[in-house]
């Protein structure tokens, strides 16, 4: 393996490790209230301690510097006074040796407070040369005195006898220092510039000690604050986490779960209140379950018990109906009405029994491979006579090849028959289009009418039991009021969708989408909803399942509502061969709209 490949592999491993660590930190911060509180507490505490520590460090540093400046300024003033008092011996002039001896004597007396002294003549043509103590007195000694350009400019502009100072670094960066300078006149020698270099290493050591102590104290304080925050938040978060887990178990159906209560503090009061609420909910839920069971049992028992007298009534009604030709017109009409209402009563009992099976969870799916196109054709043929009576033209748009899916043929036939009969009932004699299409995961059937249509409120409630869009409207084809509710349950039993779009004056469109296999999830439908020919102005409401074709969903009333914001982008139905028409005798219809 090449070295470059090994380095790249190591970099990738390191990057993956850092990414995993960052993801762990992010998830911990996002999903743990305790971690979030502790982190924020430690961060805010660190910021506060850093601010206070910085302020205290600056104040201590300034105090140490000011104290040392006063001390060194006083000593520099004493040196200036001594140098000014130097007098010629025996009437002779002051010599280089005299000044050097005097400066050395001063330096020796102030050892420990002064780092170096330097006396520089102001006149370049002076007979005196630079005198330095505390450093080499050679020609190279003057550059060793750290005199900056700013200080030299200030010296040239400062009045005589003014004392100037500047913070500097000692030669060879051995530590911080303070350079004090003043111009003075020595009798018999002329004007000189005195440089007094003080040592601040002791003060710097004191400041470093204080800062180290403050840093250690800050670290200990941050750790203690973090530990306290962790303990305090744990005392609060642990009961909250326990309550959340208990609430989840209750939501999953374990109604006997309760929060443990310890002590008499606010958390204990919260736990008691939560448990009281859980007891009340459990009582109400159990009561509602008992009532629901009794209601379902009542509907089922009544439906079964009515079967026997209904069979007798049906037999008598059929006998009278068969002999209606021998009766007078009024009695014959009564016989026809009796027969039709007895038949409607029989259908209503069948629907009640079917809906009670769904409520009891006893509905079973018998799935077999079936051609959906054949079901659609058969349904259209069966209702063709009813369509002819209503002057309604039914057009089937289906592919020429079979559209196979594993479905319960009886239930899917019932759904399609209900949708087609519903379209005939409300289509006002206008043509009805039935579309069949499929993709890799689903099969869809759309029934499109161009009748009265539905407004938003009607779209919301169209699948409710015993609900009618217009109670005053005559129910031409009869129906129990449970057909669409049963159709919706049949679709859900197949793990599919039953959706509807409607607009007043533009008709409506019911779309059934079922997976090719009952255990398969569907994410999109092969047919668009709203339909391709719909005139959409603004948003379109579509009633259907919680998951739809990527549309924005809201919850309204008792059923989910889908807001199609961009219907013009709906998937176009696949091209189909020429339409087929079928007209045969219709079965007794099960349902009008609602």
Protein backbone atom coordinates (compact mmCIF):
# COMPACT_ATOMS: atom_id res chain seq x y z
CA UNK A 1 0.00 0.00 0.00
CA UNK A 2 1.31 3.44 -0.91
CA UNK A 3 2.00 5.95 1.92
CA UNK A 4 -0.46 8.39 0.32
CA UNK A 5 -3.27 5.82 0.47
CA UNK A 6 -2.49 5.09 4.12
CA UNK A 7 -2.61 8.79 4.97
CA UNK A 8 -5.90 9.21 3.12
CA UNK A 9 -7.34 6.21 4.96
CA UNK A 10 -6.25 7.63 8.31
CA UNK A 11 -7.74 11.02 7.44
CA UNK A 12 -11.02 9.43 6.41
CA UNK A 13 -11.13 7.40 9.63
CA UNK A 14 -10.40 10.51 11.69
CA UNK A 15 -13.02 12.52 9.81
CA UNK A 16 -15.59 9.73 10.31
CA UNK A 17 -14.77 9.59 14.02
CA UNK A 18 -15.09 13.36 14.41
CA UNK A 19 -18.37 13.32 12.49
CA UNK A 20 -19.74 10.54 14.69
CA UNK A 21 -18.64 12.39 17.83
CA UNK A 22 -20.24 15.62 16.62
CA UNK A 23 -23.47 13.77 15.80
CA UNK A 24 -23.46 12.25 19.30
CA UNK A 25 -22.97 15.68 20.89
CA UNK A 26 -25.66 17.22 18.70
CA UNK A 27 -28.19 14.50 19.46
CA UNK A 28 -27.40 14.64 23.17
CA UNK A 29 -27.84 18.41 23.20
CA UNK A 30 -31.05 18.22 21.17
CA UNK A 31 -32.78 15.33 22.92
CA UNK A 32 -31.59 15.65 26.54
CA UNK A 33 -32.88 18.52 28.66
CA UNK A 34 -30.39 17.62 31.37
CA UNK A 35 -27.39 17.83 29.03
CA UNK A 36 -28.68 21.09 27.56
CA UNK A 37 -29.10 22.72 30.98
CA UNK A 38 -25.69 21.54 32.24
CA UNK A 39 -23.90 22.69 29.08
CA UNK A 40 -25.58 26.10 29.12
CA UNK A 41 -24.87 26.49 32.86
CA UNK A 42 -21.19 25.61 32.42
CA UNK A 43 -20.83 27.91 29.39
CA UNK A 44 -22.52 30.87 31.10
CA UNK A 45 -20.55 30.26 34.31
CA UNK A 46 -17.30 30.11 32.33
CA UNK A 47 -18.13 33.38 30.56
CA UNK A 48 -18.96 35.07 33.87
CA UNK A 49 -15.80 33.79 35.59
CA UNK A 50 -13.67 34.78 32.60
CA UNK A 51 -15.09 38.29 32.67
CA UNK A 52 -14.66 38.71 36.42
CA UNK A 53 -11.20 37.11 36.36
CA UNK A 54 -10.07 39.35 33.51
CA UNK A 55 -11.27 42.45 35.35
CA UNK A 56 -9.59 41.39 38.62
CA UNK A 57 -6.36 40.50 36.82
CA UNK A 58 -6.26 43.93 35.16
CA UNK A 59 -6.90 45.69 38.45
CA UNK A 60 -4.18 43.72 40.25
CA UNK A 61 -1.74 44.28 37.41
CA UNK A 62 -2.48 47.99 37.38
CA UNK A 63 -2.09 48.19 41.18
CA UNK A 64 1.26 46.39 41.15
CA UNK A 65 2.51 48.54 38.30
CA UNK A 66 1.44 51.82 39.92
CA UNK A 67 3.07 50.87 43.23
CA UNK A 68 6.31 49.90 41.50
CA UNK A 69 6.24 53.07 39.39
CA UNK A 70 5.99 55.27 42.46
CA UNK A 71 8.86 53.42 44.12
CA UNK A 72 11.14 53.56 41.07
CA UNK A 73 10.24 57.20 40.34
CA UNK A 74 11.21 58.12 43.90
CA UNK A 75 14.50 56.26 43.57
CA UNK A 76 15.19 57.86 40.19
CA UNK A 77 14.56 61.26 41.74
CA UNK A 78 17.11 60.47 44.49
CA UNK A 79 19.69 59.45 41.86
CA UNK A 80 19.13 62.72 39.98
CA UNK A 81 19.61 64.72 43.18
CA UNK A 82 22.85 62.90 44.04
CA UNK A 83 24.25 63.41 40.55
CA UNK A 84 23.41 67.11 40.62
CA UNK A 85 25.27 67.46 43.92
CA UNK A 86 28.50 66.10 42.50
CA UNK A 87 31.08 68.88 43.03
CA UNK A 88 34.68 69.25 41.71
CA UNK A 89 37.43 68.13 44.16
CA UNK A 90 40.07 70.69 45.18
CA UNK A 91 38.82 73.10 42.58
CA UNK A 92 39.35 70.72 39.72
CA UNK A 93 36.67 69.89 37.08
CA UNK A 94 34.45 66.79 37.25
CA UNK A 95 35.98 63.94 35.32
CA UNK A 96 34.64 60.80 33.57
CA UNK A 97 36.04 58.71 36.37
CA UNK A 98 34.29 60.79 39.03
CA UNK A 99 30.88 60.38 37.37
CA UNK A 100 31.46 56.67 36.77
CA UNK A 101 32.46 56.13 40.41
CA UNK A 102 29.43 58.06 41.64
CA UNK A 103 27.04 56.14 39.33
CA UNK A 104 28.54 52.79 40.43
CA UNK A 105 28.16 53.78 44.05
CA UNK A 106 24.51 54.63 43.52
CA UNK A 107 23.88 51.33 41.66
CA UNK A 108 25.54 49.31 44.41
CA UNK A 109 23.36 50.94 47.07
CA UNK A 110 20.15 50.21 45.11
CA UNK A 111 20.88 46.63 44.08
CA UNK A 112 17.62 44.69 43.81
CA UNK A 113 15.49 47.66 42.75
CA UNK A 114 17.40 48.88 39.72
CA UNK A 115 18.50 46.76 36.81
CA UNK A 116 20.80 49.26 35.07
CA UNK A 117 21.78 52.94 35.06
CA UNK A 118 23.02 54.89 32.11
CA UNK A 119 24.18 58.50 31.85
CA UNK A 120 24.30 59.85 28.30
CA UNK A 121 25.74 63.35 27.52
CA UNK A 122 23.38 65.61 25.60
CA UNK A 123 26.16 67.31 23.64
CA UNK A 124 27.63 64.99 20.98
CA UNK A 125 30.93 66.94 21.21
CA UNK A 126 31.14 66.57 24.98
CA UNK A 127 34.32 65.31 26.54
CA UNK A 128 32.27 62.77 28.43
CA UNK A 129 31.12 59.45 27.01
CA UNK A 130 28.13 57.31 27.97
CA UNK A 131 28.46 55.85 31.43
CA UNK A 132 26.51 52.62 32.14
CA UNK A 133 26.38 50.40 35.19
CA UNK A 134 24.57 47.12 35.49
CA UNK A 135 25.62 46.23 31.95
CA UNK A 136 28.77 46.37 29.87
CA UNK A 137 30.27 49.87 29.65
CA UNK A 138 31.70 49.17 26.21
CA UNK A 139 30.60 50.99 23.08
CA UNK A 140 27.92 48.43 22.56
CA UNK A 141 26.26 49.13 25.93
CA UNK A 142 24.03 51.99 24.73
CA UNK A 143 21.98 49.87 22.30
CA UNK A 144 21.38 47.47 25.21
CA UNK A 145 19.30 50.16 26.95
CA UNK A 146 15.78 49.60 25.48
CA UNK A 147 15.00 53.13 24.33
CA UNK A 148 12.18 53.21 21.77
CA UNK A 149 11.72 55.80 19.03
CA UNK A 150 8.57 57.09 20.71
CA UNK A 151 10.46 57.67 23.95
CA UNK A 152 13.30 59.48 22.16
CA UNK A 153 10.77 61.74 20.46
CA UNK A 154 9.08 62.44 23.78
CA UNK A 155 12.47 63.26 25.36
CA UNK A 156 13.23 65.76 22.61
CA UNK A 157 9.89 67.53 23.15
CA UNK A 158 9.63 67.31 26.95
CA UNK A 159 10.49 70.35 29.12
CA UNK A 160 13.63 70.25 31.22
CA UNK A 161 13.36 68.36 34.52
CA UNK A 162 10.32 66.33 33.31
CA UNK A 163 10.52 62.66 34.25
CA UNK A 164 9.33 60.24 31.55
CA UNK A 165 8.74 56.50 31.79
CA UNK A 166 7.91 53.58 29.52
CA UNK A 167 7.22 49.88 30.00
CA UNK A 168 9.92 47.85 28.26
CA UNK A 169 11.41 44.38 28.16
CA UNK A 170 14.70 43.80 29.92
CA UNK A 171 17.68 42.99 27.70
CA UNK A 172 17.68 39.46 26.27
CA UNK A 173 13.92 39.24 27.07
CA UNK A 174 14.70 38.31 30.65
CA UNK A 175 11.46 39.86 31.88
CA UNK A 176 9.42 43.05 32.06
CA UNK A 177 11.01 46.33 33.09
CA UNK A 178 10.28 50.02 33.56
CA UNK A 179 12.53 52.62 31.92
CA UNK A 180 12.56 56.06 33.63
CA UNK A 181 14.47 58.95 32.10
CA UNK A 182 15.14 62.57 33.02
CA UNK A 183 17.41 65.34 31.81
CA UNK A 184 19.80 66.82 34.39
CA UNK A 185 22.70 69.25 34.57
CA UNK A 186 25.86 68.32 36.45
CA UNK A 187 27.94 71.34 37.53
CA UNK A 188 31.29 71.31 35.81
CA UNK A 189 30.25 68.49 33.44
CA UNK A 190 27.28 69.74 31.40
CA UNK A 191 23.87 68.30 30.49
CA UNK A 192 23.15 64.57 30.63
CA UNK A 193 20.18 62.23 30.07
CA UNK A 194 19.76 59.76 32.89
CA UNK A 195 18.20 56.35 32.06
CA UNK A 196 16.98 54.39 35.06
CA UNK A 197 15.96 50.82 34.15
CA UNK A 198 13.88 49.22 36.90
CA UNK A 199 13.19 45.49 37.32
CA UNK A 200 9.52 44.34 37.34
CA UNK A 201 10.15 40.61 37.39
CA UNK A 202 9.13 40.29 41.00
CA UNK A 203 5.81 42.03 40.32
CA UNK A 204 5.31 39.90 37.20
CA UNK A 205 5.90 36.78 39.29
CA UNK A 206 3.31 37.95 41.79
CA UNK A 207 0.82 38.62 38.99
CA UNK A 208 1.49 35.22 37.41
CA UNK A 209 0.89 33.52 40.76
CA UNK A 210 -2.38 35.37 41.24
CA UNK A 211 -3.53 34.50 37.69
CA UNK A 212 -2.63 30.83 38.13
CA UNK A 213 -4.51 30.74 41.40
CA UNK A 214 -7.53 32.39 39.80
CA UNK A 215 -7.41 29.94 36.86
CA UNK A 216 -7.33 26.90 39.16
CA UNK A 217 -10.12 28.37 41.25
CA UNK A 218 -12.15 29.07 38.10
CA UNK A 219 -11.72 25.51 36.82
CA UNK A 220 -12.72 24.06 40.18
CA UNK A 221 -15.71 26.42 40.35
CA UNK A 222 -16.84 25.50 36.80
CA UNK A 223 -16.62 21.78 37.63
CA UNK A 224 -18.53 22.30 40.87
CA UNK A 225 -21.21 24.38 39.13
CA UNK A 226 -21.53 21.75 36.39
CA UNK A 227 -21.84 18.99 38.99
CA UNK A 228 -24.45 20.98 40.95
CA UNK A 229 -26.39 21.69 37.74
CA UNK A 230 -26.26 18.00 36.80
CA UNK A 231 -27.53 16.92 40.23
CA UNK A 232 -30.27 19.57 40.38
CA UNK A 233 -31.51 18.93 36.85
CA UNK A 234 -31.41 15.19 37.48
CA UNK A 235 -33.73 15.68 40.44
CA UNK A 236 -36.17 17.43 38.10
CA UNK A 237 -35.58 15.60 34.80
CA UNK A 238 -35.76 12.07 36.21
CA UNK A 239 -39.42 12.43 37.33
CA UNK A 240 -40.23 14.14 34.03
CA UNK A 241 -38.60 11.32 32.10
CA UNK A 242 -40.48 8.78 34.22
CA UNK A 243 -43.73 10.64 33.60
CA UNK A 244 -43.08 10.67 29.86
CA UNK A 245 -42.44 6.92 29.86
CA UNK A 246 -45.58 6.27 31.91
CA UNK A 247 -47.60 8.50 29.55
CA UNK A 248 -46.23 6.56 26.56
CA UNK A 249 -47.21 3.24 28.16
CA UNK A 250 -50.69 4.57 28.92
CA UNK A 251 -50.99 5.78 25.32
CA UNK A 252 -49.99 2.28 24.17
CA UNK A 253 -52.90 0.84 26.13
CA UNK A 254 -51.34 -0.06 29.49
CA UNK A 255 -53.85 1.92 31.55
CA UNK A 256 -52.61 0.51 34.89
CA UNK A 257 -49.24 2.30 34.73
CA UNK A 258 -48.69 5.07 37.30
CA UNK A 259 -45.90 7.46 38.30
CA UNK A 260 -44.00 6.63 41.50
CA UNK A 261 -44.54 9.34 44.13
CA UNK A 262 -41.94 10.09 46.83
CA UNK A 263 -42.08 12.87 49.40
CA UNK A 264 -44.32 15.91 49.57
CA UNK A 265 -42.57 18.43 47.33
CA UNK A 266 -43.76 19.94 44.05
CA UNK A 267 -42.59 16.91 42.04
CA UNK A 268 -44.60 14.64 44.32
CA UNK A 269 -47.68 16.87 43.87
CA UNK A 270 -47.16 16.69 40.10
CA UNK A 271 -46.94 12.89 40.27
CA UNK A 272 -50.12 12.65 42.35
CA UNK A 273 -51.96 14.95 39.94
CA UNK A 274 -50.73 12.88 36.99
CA UNK A 275 -51.87 9.66 38.64
CA UNK A 276 -55.28 11.18 39.45
CA UNK A 277 -55.63 12.23 35.82
CA UNK A 278 -54.61 8.73 34.68
CA UNK A 279 -57.21 7.18 37.03
CA UNK A 280 -59.91 9.45 35.64
CA UNK A 281 -58.91 8.72 32.04
CA UNK A 282 -58.78 5.00 32.73
CA UNK A 283 -62.25 5.09 34.24
CA UNK A 284 -63.65 7.09 31.33
CA UNK A 285 -61.92 4.95 28.71
CA UNK A 286 -63.12 1.75 30.31
CA UNK A 287 -66.62 3.16 30.53
CA UNK A 288 -66.51 4.23 26.89
CA UNK A 289 -65.17 0.81 25.90
CA UNK A 290 -68.02 -0.86 27.76
CA UNK A 291 -70.53 1.44 26.10
CA UNK A 292 -68.92 0.84 22.72
CA UNK A 293 -69.02 -2.91 23.23
CA UNK A 294 -72.64 -2.72 24.31
CA UNK A 295 -73.46 -0.53 21.33
CA UNK A 296 -71.77 -2.86 18.86
CA UNK A 297 -73.37 -5.84 20.53
CA UNK A 298 -76.75 -4.13 20.41
CA UNK A 299 -76.42 -3.32 16.70
CA UNK A 300 -75.24 -6.83 15.94
CA UNK A 301 -77.97 -8.49 18.04
CA UNK A 302 -80.71 -6.28 16.63
CA UNK A 303 -79.49 -6.90 13.09
CA UNK A 304 -79.48 -10.65 13.65
CA UNK A 305 -82.80 -10.67 15.47
CA UNK A 306 -84.45 -8.65 12.72
CA UNK A 307 -83.35 -11.19 10.17
CA UNK A 308 -86.07 -13.67 11.14
CA UNK A 309 -89.08 -11.33 11.02
CA UNK A 310 -87.61 -9.67 7.94
CA UNK A 311 -87.43 -13.02 6.15
CA UNK A 312 -91.10 -13.56 6.90
CA UNK A 313 -91.98 -10.05 5.75
CA UNK A 314 -89.92 -10.52 2.58
CA UNK A 315 -91.67 -13.79 1.81
CA UNK A 316 -95.09 -12.23 2.31
CA UNK A 317 -94.11 -9.12 0.37
CA UNK A 318 -92.79 -11.23 -2.52
CA UNK A 319 -96.03 -13.24 -2.55
CA UNK A 320 -98.15 -10.11 -2.64
CA UNK A 321 -95.82 -8.51 -5.20
CA UNK A 322 -96.09 -11.51 -7.51
CA UNK A 323 -99.90 -11.29 -7.33
CA UNK A 324 -100.08 -7.52 -7.85
CA UNK A 325 -101.59 -7.92 -11.33
CA UNK A 326 -104.76 -9.37 -9.75
CA UNK A 327 -105.10 -6.48 -7.30
CA UNK A 328 -106.66 -3.08 -7.73
CA UNK A 329 -104.27 -0.27 -8.70
CA UNK A 330 -103.99 1.20 -5.18
CA UNK A 331 -103.25 -2.17 -3.58
CA UNK A 332 -100.83 -3.07 -6.40
CA UNK A 333 -98.90 0.15 -5.80
CA UNK A 334 -98.80 -0.61 -2.09
CA UNK A 335 -97.42 -4.07 -2.89
CA UNK A 336 -94.62 -2.49 -5.00
CA UNK A 337 -93.74 -0.06 -2.22
CA UNK A 338 -93.77 -2.84 0.35
CA UNK A 339 -91.44 -4.97 -1.76
CA UNK A 340 -88.95 -2.13 -2.45
CA UNK A 341 -88.81 -0.99 1.19
CA UNK A 342 -88.42 -4.57 2.42
CA UNK A 343 -85.50 -4.96 0.01
CA UNK A 344 -84.03 -1.67 1.24
CA UNK A 345 -84.47 -2.83 4.82
CA UNK A 346 -82.59 -6.03 3.98
CA UNK A 347 -79.71 -3.98 2.50
CA UNK A 348 -79.60 -1.77 5.57
CA UNK A 349 -79.33 -4.79 7.87
CA UNK A 350 -76.51 -6.19 5.70
CA UNK A 351 -74.61 -2.89 5.93
CA UNK A 352 -75.15 -2.70 9.69
CA UNK A 353 -73.77 -6.19 10.13
CA UNK A 354 -70.77 -5.36 7.94
CA UNK A 355 -69.97 -2.11 9.79
CA UNK A 356 -70.33 -3.93 13.14
CA UNK A 357 -67.69 -6.43 11.97
CA UNK A 358 -65.30 -3.55 11.30
CA UNK A 359 -66.04 -1.98 14.68
CA UNK A 360 -65.37 -5.28 16.40
CA UNK A 361 -62.15 -5.83 14.42
CA UNK A 362 -63.51 -9.05 12.98
CA UNK A 363 -63.27 -8.11 9.30
CA UNK A 364 -60.93 -10.47 7.44
CA UNK A 365 -59.25 -9.96 4.09
CA UNK A 366 -59.35 -12.79 1.56
CA UNK A 367 -56.77 -11.62 -0.98
CA UNK A 368 -56.24 -13.32 -4.31
CA UNK A 369 -54.70 -12.18 -7.62
CA UNK A 370 -57.51 -10.45 -9.54
CA UNK A 371 -57.74 -8.33 -12.67
CA UNK A 372 -59.07 -4.94 -11.52
CA UNK A 373 -60.14 -4.05 -15.07
CA UNK A 374 -62.44 -7.09 -15.09
CA UNK A 375 -64.04 -5.95 -11.82
CA UNK A 376 -64.63 -2.44 -13.21
CA UNK A 377 -66.14 -3.81 -16.42
CA UNK A 378 -68.40 -6.17 -14.48
CA UNK A 379 -69.64 -3.40 -12.18
CA UNK A 380 -70.35 -1.06 -15.10
CA UNK A 381 -72.27 -3.81 -16.88
CA UNK A 382 -74.37 -4.49 -13.77
CA UNK A 383 -75.35 -0.84 -13.25
CA UNK A 384 -75.85 -0.05 -16.94
CA UNK A 385 -79.63 -0.43 -16.72
CA UNK A 386 -79.78 2.06 -13.85
CA UNK A 387 -77.50 4.38 -15.84
CA UNK A 388 -79.86 4.15 -18.83
CA UNK A 389 -82.81 5.04 -16.63
CA UNK A 390 -80.91 8.15 -15.44
CA UNK A 391 -79.80 8.95 -19.03
CA UNK A 392 -76.18 8.63 -17.88
CA UNK A 393 -73.38 7.57 -20.20
CA UNK A 394 -70.55 5.62 -18.47
CA UNK A 395 -67.13 5.53 -20.18
CA UNK A 396 -64.36 3.23 -18.96
CA UNK A 397 -60.75 4.26 -19.60
CA UNK A 398 -58.61 1.18 -18.94
CA UNK A 399 -55.48 -0.38 -20.43
CA UNK A 400 -55.93 -3.30 -22.77
CA UNK A 401 -53.72 -5.58 -20.67
CA UNK A 402 -54.89 -6.96 -17.29
CA UNK A 403 -54.16 -4.88 -14.18
CA UNK A 404 -53.41 -7.52 -11.56
CA UNK A 405 -53.37 -7.06 -7.79
CA UNK A 406 -53.80 -9.28 -4.72
CA UNK A 407 -57.18 -8.05 -3.42
CA UNK A 408 -60.42 -9.21 -1.87
CA UNK A 409 -62.64 -9.32 -4.94
CA UNK A 410 -65.92 -8.98 -3.01
CA UNK A 411 -64.81 -5.88 -1.10
CA UNK A 412 -63.22 -4.11 -4.08
CA UNK A 413 -66.32 -4.85 -6.16
CA UNK A 414 -68.46 -3.33 -3.41
CA UNK A 415 -66.27 -0.19 -3.32
CA UNK A 416 -66.38 0.36 -7.08
CA UNK A 417 -70.13 -0.35 -7.24
CA UNK A 418 -70.78 2.19 -4.47
CA UNK A 419 -68.65 4.82 -6.25
CA UNK A 420 -70.28 4.27 -9.64
CA UNK A 421 -73.83 4.25 -8.21
CA UNK A 422 -72.97 7.37 -6.20
CA UNK A 423 -71.79 9.07 -9.42
CA UNK A 424 -75.01 8.08 -11.24
CA UNK A 425 -77.11 9.41 -8.35
CA UNK A 426 -75.42 12.82 -8.33
CA UNK A 427 -74.23 13.08 -11.94
CA UNK A 428 -77.42 14.77 -13.21
CA UNK A 429 -77.41 12.68 -16.36
CA UNK A 430 -73.97 13.85 -17.46
CA UNK A 431 -71.28 11.41 -18.63
CA UNK A 432 -69.28 9.50 -16.02
CA UNK A 433 -65.62 8.60 -16.61
CA UNK A 434 -64.07 5.58 -14.88
CA UNK A 435 -60.25 5.47 -15.06
CA UNK A 436 -58.04 2.47 -14.30
CA UNK A 437 -54.25 2.81 -14.07
CA UNK A 438 -51.32 1.19 -12.29
CA UNK A 439 -47.67 1.61 -11.46
CA UNK A 440 -45.04 -0.59 -9.84
CA UNK A 441 -46.55 -0.42 -6.35
CA UNK A 442 -50.26 0.40 -6.68
CA UNK A 443 -53.45 0.15 -8.71
CA UNK A 444 -55.91 3.05 -8.88
CA UNK A 445 -59.53 3.47 -9.98
CA UNK A 446 -61.08 6.94 -10.34
CA UNK A 447 -64.80 7.59 -10.82
CA UNK A 448 -65.38 11.08 -12.21
CA UNK A 449 -68.83 12.64 -12.53
CA UNK A 450 -69.76 16.13 -13.73
CA UNK A 451 -72.84 16.67 -11.61
CA UNK A 452 -73.66 18.88 -8.63
CA UNK A 453 -70.27 18.48 -7.01
CA UNK A 454 -69.46 19.17 -3.35
CA UNK A 455 -68.32 22.14 -1.32
CA UNK A 456 -65.56 22.02 1.31
CA UNK A 457 -67.88 21.05 4.18
CA UNK A 458 -69.37 18.21 2.16
CA UNK A 459 -65.91 16.98 1.18
CA UNK A 460 -64.98 16.83 4.87
CA UNK A 461 -67.99 14.72 5.88
CA UNK A 462 -68.64 12.60 2.79
CA UNK A 463 -67.28 9.45 4.48
CA UNK A 464 -69.23 9.94 7.74
CA UNK A 465 -71.85 7.36 8.59
CA UNK A 466 -75.48 8.23 7.71
CA UNK A 467 -74.37 11.64 6.41
CA UNK A 468 -76.04 13.16 3.34
CA UNK A 469 -74.74 16.11 1.35
CA UNK A 470 -78.29 17.44 0.90
CA UNK A 471 -80.88 15.93 3.30
CA UNK A 472 -83.71 17.47 1.25
CA UNK A 473 -82.49 15.79 -1.95
CA UNK A 474 -84.49 12.79 -3.04
CA UNK A 475 -82.54 9.53 -2.81
CA UNK A 476 -83.43 8.18 -6.24
CA UNK A 477 -81.45 4.96 -6.01
CA UNK A 478 -82.05 4.28 -2.33
CA UNK A 479 -79.10 3.28 -0.12
CA UNK A 480 -78.49 2.84 3.60
CA UNK A 481 -76.20 5.82 4.23
CA UNK A 482 -73.30 3.49 5.13
CA UNK A 483 -71.96 2.66 1.67
CA UNK A 484 -69.08 5.17 1.56
CA UNK A 485 -68.19 4.51 5.22
CA UNK A 486 -67.97 0.78 4.46
CA UNK A 487 -66.00 1.50 1.27
CA UNK A 488 -63.48 3.54 3.28
CA UNK A 489 -63.06 0.64 5.75
CA UNK A 490 -62.66 -1.79 2.86
CA UNK A 491 -59.91 0.42 1.39
CA UNK A 492 -58.13 0.66 4.76
CA UNK A 493 -58.35 -3.11 5.14
CA UNK A 494 -56.35 -3.36 1.90
CA UNK A 495 -53.83 -0.81 3.31
CA UNK A 496 -55.01 1.55 0.59
CA UNK A 497 -56.53 5.00 0.12
CA UNK A 498 -60.03 6.18 -0.73
CA UNK A 499 -59.99 9.90 -1.52
CA UNK A 500 -62.46 12.38 -2.95
CA UNK A 501 -62.31 15.77 -4.61
CA UNK A 502 -65.33 17.91 -5.35
CA UNK A 503 -66.25 21.41 -6.43
CA UNK A 504 -69.79 22.85 -6.67
CA UNK A 505 -71.03 22.78 -10.25
CA UNK A 506 -67.96 20.87 -11.52
CA UNK A 507 -68.76 17.42 -10.21
CA UNK A 508 -66.60 15.21 -8.06
CA UNK A 509 -64.00 12.49 -8.35
CA UNK A 510 -63.48 9.51 -6.05
CA UNK A 511 -60.09 7.81 -6.29
CA UNK A 512 -59.38 4.34 -4.92
CA UNK A 513 -55.68 3.46 -4.61
CA UNK A 514 -54.68 0.00 -3.38
CA UNK A 515 -51.27 -1.68 -3.25
CA UNK A 516 -50.57 -4.58 -5.52
CA UNK A 517 -50.02 -6.65 -2.35
CA UNK A 518 -51.87 -5.97 0.94
CA UNK A 519 -48.64 -5.79 2.97
CA UNK A 520 -47.06 -3.22 0.63
CA UNK A 521 -46.90 0.49 1.46
CA UNK A 522 -47.94 3.00 -1.21
CA UNK A 523 -46.47 6.49 -1.54
CA UNK A 524 -48.19 7.77 -4.68
CA UNK A 525 -51.19 7.05 -6.83
CA UNK A 526 -51.09 6.26 -10.57
CA UNK A 527 -54.01 8.68 -11.14
CA UNK A 528 -54.09 12.42 -10.33
CA UNK A 529 -56.42 14.01 -7.78
CA UNK A 530 -57.92 16.55 -8.45
CA UNK A 531 -58.59 15.05 -11.89
CA UNK A 532 -56.87 16.31 -14.99
CA UNK A 533 -59.96 18.06 -16.36
CA UNK A 534 -60.78 19.91 -13.10
CA UNK A 535 -60.80 23.72 -13.18
CA UNK A 536 -58.77 24.51 -10.05
CA UNK A 537 -58.94 28.06 -8.71
CA UNK A 538 -56.77 28.40 -5.60
CA UNK A 539 -56.42 25.48 -3.19
CA UNK A 540 -58.33 22.24 -3.65
CA UNK A 541 -59.54 20.16 -0.71
CA UNK A 542 -59.13 16.41 -0.95
CA UNK A 543 -60.49 14.10 1.74
CA UNK A 544 -58.45 10.98 2.28
CA UNK A 545 -55.74 9.27 4.33
CA UNK A 546 -53.11 10.97 6.45
CA UNK A 547 -50.41 10.11 3.93
CA UNK A 548 -50.99 11.24 0.38
CA UNK A 549 -49.06 12.19 -2.73
CA UNK A 550 -46.65 14.64 -1.12
CA UNK A 551 -49.37 17.23 -0.56
CA UNK A 552 -49.69 19.49 2.45
CA UNK A 553 -52.05 17.90 4.98
CA UNK A 554 -54.27 19.33 7.68
CA UNK A 555 -56.78 17.75 10.04
CA UNK A 556 -60.37 18.96 9.78
CA UNK A 557 -63.39 17.37 11.39
CA UNK A 558 -63.44 13.63 11.74
CA UNK A 559 -61.43 12.83 8.61
CA UNK A 560 -58.06 14.02 7.26
CA UNK A 561 -58.09 16.80 4.70
CA UNK A 562 -55.32 17.26 2.13
CA UNK A 563 -54.61 20.70 0.72
CA UNK A 564 -53.37 20.37 -2.84
CA UNK A 565 -51.45 23.64 -3.32
CA UNK A 566 -50.20 22.95 -6.84
CA UNK A 567 -52.72 20.72 -8.59
CA UNK A 568 -51.35 21.61 -11.98
CA UNK A 569 -48.29 19.45 -11.17
CA UNK A 570 -50.38 16.35 -10.48
CA UNK A 571 -49.26 13.24 -12.23
CA UNK A 572 -51.02 12.76 -15.54
CA UNK A 573 -52.89 9.49 -16.05
CA UNK A 574 -51.23 7.06 -18.43
CA UNK A 575 -52.39 6.86 -21.96
CA UNK A 576 -55.17 4.32 -22.41
CA UNK A 577 -56.75 2.61 -25.38
CA UNK A 578 -60.13 3.72 -26.70
CA UNK A 579 -62.89 3.72 -24.10
CA UNK A 580 -65.11 0.74 -23.61
CA UNK A 581 -68.78 0.95 -22.76
CA UNK A 582 -70.93 -1.68 -21.06
CA UNK A 583 -74.66 -1.63 -20.49
CA UNK A 584 -76.40 -4.50 -18.71
CA UNK A 585 -78.85 -5.05 -15.89
CA UNK A 586 -77.81 -3.24 -12.67
CA UNK A 587 -77.73 -4.76 -9.19
CA UNK A 588 -79.67 -3.06 -6.45
CA UNK A 589 -77.58 -0.02 -5.49
CA UNK A 590 -76.05 0.13 -2.03
CA UNK A 591 -75.39 3.82 -1.55
CA UNK A 592 -75.99 7.37 -2.70
CA UNK A 593 -73.52 10.13 -1.82
CA UNK A 594 -73.38 10.20 2.00
